[in-house]
Amino acid sequence: MFDKIKTIILNYVDVDPDTITEGSEFIADLGFNSYDFMSFLGEVEDEFDIEVDEREAVKIRTVGEAAAYIESLQD
């Protein structure tokens, strides 16, 4: 799960893949802006065949939180 998310992240920002951890924050650490993040979520929806609730999405700050949320939708 984490590796798939990391691959998607690299479509949006130019960072060293080795610096992306579960604790990495999308905005503060990875340089996402709100448009990047919403586009990222759209790609996540397609990749994992899920539907992200926008009210829940705004609570996601880190890569680990995103992974946990995606996994919760797959159950």
N, C-alpha and C. Protein backbone atom coordinates (compact mmCIF):
# COMPACT_ATOMS: atom_id res chain seq x y z
N MET A 1 0.82 -1.19 0.00
CA MET A 1 0.00 0.00 0.00
C MET A 1 0.87 1.26 0.00
N PHE A 2 1.83 1.31 0.94
CA PHE A 2 2.68 2.49 1.05
C PHE A 2 3.45 2.74 -0.25
N ASP A 3 3.99 1.68 -0.85
CA ASP A 3 4.76 1.85 -2.09
C ASP A 3 3.89 2.34 -3.24
N LYS A 4 2.65 1.87 -3.32
CA LYS A 4 1.75 2.35 -4.37
C LYS A 4 1.45 3.84 -4.18
N ILE A 5 1.21 4.23 -2.93
CA ILE A 5 0.92 5.63 -2.64
C ILE A 5 2.14 6.49 -2.97
N LYS A 6 3.31 6.00 -2.60
CA LYS A 6 4.55 6.73 -2.87
C LYS A 6 4.72 6.94 -4.38
N THR A 7 4.43 5.93 -5.16
CA THR A 7 4.53 6.05 -6.61
C THR A 7 3.59 7.14 -7.14
N ILE A 8 2.38 7.17 -6.61
CA ILE A 8 1.41 8.19 -7.04
C ILE A 8 1.90 9.57 -6.61
N ILE A 9 2.42 9.70 -5.40
CA ILE A 9 2.94 10.99 -4.92
C ILE A 9 3.99 11.53 -5.88
N LEU A 10 4.84 10.65 -6.39
CA LEU A 10 5.93 11.10 -7.27
C LEU A 10 5.43 11.62 -8.61
N ASN A 11 4.15 11.40 -8.94
CA ASN A 11 3.56 12.00 -10.13
C ASN A 11 3.27 13.48 -9.93
N TYR A 12 3.27 13.93 -8.67
CA TYR A 12 2.85 15.30 -8.37
C TYR A 12 3.96 16.20 -7.85
N VAL A 13 4.96 15.61 -7.23
CA VAL A 13 6.04 16.43 -6.68
C VAL A 13 7.40 15.81 -7.02
N ASP A 14 8.39 16.65 -7.10
CA ASP A 14 9.74 16.21 -7.43
C ASP A 14 10.56 16.15 -6.15
N VAL A 15 10.48 15.01 -5.48
CA VAL A 15 11.24 14.80 -4.25
C VAL A 15 11.98 13.46 -4.36
N ASP A 16 12.99 13.30 -3.56
CA ASP A 16 13.72 12.04 -3.51
C ASP A 16 12.79 10.99 -2.91
N PRO A 17 12.53 9.90 -3.63
CA PRO A 17 11.61 8.87 -3.12
C PRO A 17 12.01 8.34 -1.74
N ASP A 18 13.30 8.33 -1.46
CA ASP A 18 13.76 7.82 -0.17
C ASP A 18 13.39 8.73 1.00
N THR A 19 13.03 9.98 0.70
CA THR A 19 12.66 10.90 1.78
C THR A 19 11.19 10.78 2.17
N ILE A 20 10.41 10.05 1.39
CA ILE A 20 8.98 9.91 1.68
C ILE A 20 8.80 8.80 2.71
N THR A 21 8.24 9.17 3.86
CA THR A 21 7.96 8.21 4.92
C THR A 21 6.49 8.30 5.28
N GLU A 22 6.04 7.40 6.14
CA GLU A 22 4.64 7.46 6.58
C GLU A 22 4.37 8.75 7.35
N GLY A 23 5.40 9.33 7.93
CA GLY A 23 5.23 10.57 8.69
C GLY A 23 5.35 11.83 7.85
N SER A 24 5.68 11.68 6.57
CA SER A 24 5.81 12.84 5.70
C SER A 24 4.47 13.55 5.54
N GLU A 25 4.48 14.87 5.74
CA GLU A 25 3.26 15.65 5.55
C GLU A 25 3.19 16.12 4.10
N PHE A 26 2.00 15.99 3.52
CA PHE A 26 1.83 16.32 2.11
C PHE A 26 2.24 17.76 1.80
N ILE A 27 1.79 18.71 2.62
CA ILE A 27 2.06 20.12 2.33
C ILE A 27 3.42 20.55 2.87
N ALA A 28 3.66 20.34 4.15
CA ALA A 28 4.89 20.83 4.78
C ALA A 28 6.15 20.14 4.28
N ASP A 29 6.10 18.83 4.11
CA ASP A 29 7.31 18.08 3.74
C ASP A 29 7.45 17.80 2.25
N LEU A 30 6.33 17.55 1.59
CA LEU A 30 6.40 17.13 0.18
C LEU A 30 6.10 18.25 -0.80
N GLY A 31 5.61 19.39 -0.31
CA GLY A 31 5.39 20.54 -1.18
C GLY A 31 4.10 20.51 -1.99
N PHE A 32 3.15 19.69 -1.57
CA PHE A 32 1.85 19.67 -2.25
C PHE A 32 1.14 21.00 -2.04
N ASN A 33 0.37 21.43 -3.03
CA ASN A 33 -0.60 22.51 -2.81
C ASN A 33 -1.98 21.85 -2.82
N SER A 34 -3.02 22.61 -2.59
CA SER A 34 -4.36 22.00 -2.48
C SER A 34 -4.79 21.35 -3.79
N TYR A 35 -4.43 21.94 -4.92
CA TYR A 35 -4.79 21.35 -6.21
C TYR A 35 -4.07 20.02 -6.40
N ASP A 36 -2.76 19.98 -6.08
CA ASP A 36 -2.00 18.73 -6.18
C ASP A 36 -2.66 17.65 -5.33
N PHE A 37 -3.04 18.02 -4.12
CA PHE A 37 -3.60 17.03 -3.20
C PHE A 37 -4.92 16.48 -3.71
N MET A 38 -5.78 17.34 -4.23
CA MET A 38 -7.07 16.88 -4.75
C MET A 38 -6.86 16.01 -6.00
N SER A 39 -5.90 16.37 -6.83
CA SER A 39 -5.58 15.54 -8.00
C SER A 39 -5.03 14.19 -7.56
N PHE A 40 -4.17 14.21 -6.55
CA PHE A 40 -3.63 12.98 -5.98
C PHE A 40 -4.76 12.09 -5.49
N LEU A 41 -5.72 12.67 -4.78
CA LEU A 41 -6.85 11.87 -4.27
C LEU A 41 -7.67 11.27 -5.41
N GLY A 42 -7.84 12.02 -6.49
CA GLY A 42 -8.56 11.49 -7.65
C GLY A 42 -7.84 10.28 -8.24
N GLU A 43 -6.53 10.37 -8.31
CA GLU A 43 -5.76 9.24 -8.84
C GLU A 43 -5.82 8.05 -7.88
N VAL A 44 -5.81 8.32 -6.58
CA VAL A 44 -5.94 7.26 -5.57
C VAL A 44 -7.29 6.56 -5.73
N GLU A 45 -8.34 7.34 -5.95
CA GLU A 45 -9.66 6.74 -6.15
C GLU A 45 -9.66 5.79 -7.33
N ASP A 46 -9.05 6.20 -8.42
CA ASP A 46 -8.98 5.35 -9.62
C ASP A 46 -8.13 4.11 -9.37
N GLU A 47 -6.98 4.30 -8.76
CA GLU A 47 -6.04 3.21 -8.54
C GLU A 47 -6.60 2.13 -7.62
N PHE A 48 -7.28 2.56 -6.55
CA PHE A 48 -7.74 1.61 -5.55
C PHE A 48 -9.24 1.31 -5.63
N ASP A 49 -9.91 1.91 -6.63
CA ASP A 49 -11.35 1.71 -6.83
C ASP A 49 -12.13 2.01 -5.55
N ILE A 50 -11.91 3.22 -5.03
CA ILE A 50 -12.60 3.67 -3.82
C ILE A 50 -13.18 5.05 -4.08
N GLU A 51 -13.99 5.53 -3.15
CA GLU A 51 -14.51 6.89 -3.23
C GLU A 51 -14.14 7.62 -1.95
N VAL A 52 -13.35 8.67 -2.10
CA VAL A 52 -12.86 9.44 -0.96
C VAL A 52 -13.91 10.47 -0.56
N ASP A 53 -14.23 10.51 0.71
CA ASP A 53 -15.16 11.51 1.26
C ASP A 53 -14.37 12.80 1.49
N GLU A 54 -14.79 13.88 0.85
CA GLU A 54 -14.04 15.14 0.95
C GLU A 54 -13.93 15.63 2.39
N ARG A 55 -14.94 15.37 3.21
CA ARG A 55 -14.88 15.80 4.62
C ARG A 55 -13.80 15.04 5.36
N GLU A 56 -13.57 13.80 4.98
CA GLU A 56 -12.50 13.00 5.60
C GLU A 56 -11.15 13.37 5.00
N ALA A 57 -11.12 13.68 3.72
CA ALA A 57 -9.87 13.98 3.03
C ALA A 57 -9.17 15.19 3.63
N VAL A 58 -9.93 16.18 4.08
CA VAL A 58 -9.30 17.39 4.62
C VAL A 58 -8.59 17.11 5.95
N LYS A 59 -8.87 15.99 6.56
CA LYS A 59 -8.22 15.62 7.82
C LYS A 59 -6.88 14.93 7.60
N ILE A 60 -6.62 14.49 6.36
CA ILE A 60 -5.40 13.75 6.05
C ILE A 60 -4.23 14.72 5.92
N ARG A 61 -3.22 14.51 6.74
CA ARG A 61 -2.03 15.37 6.72
C ARG A 61 -0.78 14.61 6.27
N THR A 62 -0.69 13.33 6.64
CA THR A 62 0.53 12.57 6.37
C THR A 62 0.27 11.41 5.40
N VAL A 63 1.35 10.89 4.85
CA VAL A 63 1.27 9.75 3.95
C VAL A 63 0.69 8.54 4.70
N GLY A 64 1.09 8.36 5.95
CA GLY A 64 0.57 7.25 6.75
C GLY A 64 -0.92 7.36 6.99
N GLU A 65 -1.39 8.59 7.24
CA GLU A 65 -2.84 8.80 7.43
C GLU A 65 -3.58 8.47 6.14
N ALA A 66 -3.00 8.83 5.00
CA ALA A 66 -3.63 8.53 3.72
C ALA A 66 -3.71 7.02 3.52
N ALA A 67 -2.63 6.32 3.84
CA ALA A 67 -2.61 4.86 3.68
C ALA A 67 -3.66 4.21 4.58
N ALA A 68 -3.75 4.66 5.82
CA ALA A 68 -4.72 4.09 6.76
C ALA A 68 -6.14 4.35 6.28
N TYR A 69 -6.39 5.55 5.77
CA TYR A 69 -7.73 5.89 5.29
C TYR A 69 -8.10 5.04 4.07
N ILE A 70 -7.19 4.89 3.14
CA ILE A 70 -7.44 4.07 1.95
C ILE A 70 -7.72 2.63 2.35
N GLU A 71 -6.91 2.10 3.26
CA GLU A 71 -7.13 0.73 3.72
C GLU A 71 -8.49 0.57 4.39
N SER A 72 -8.93 1.59 5.13
CA SER A 72 -10.23 1.52 5.79
C SER A 72 -11.37 1.47 4.78
N LEU A 73 -11.18 2.10 3.62
CA LEU A 73 -12.21 2.10 2.58
C LEU A 73 -12.24 0.78 1.81
N GLN A 74 -11.16 0.04 1.87
CA GLN A 74 -11.09 -1.22 1.14
C GLN A 74 -11.68 -2.39 1.93
N ASP A 75 -11.88 -2.19 3.21
CA ASP A 75 -12.41 -3.29 4.05
C ASP A 75 -13.84 -3.63 3.70
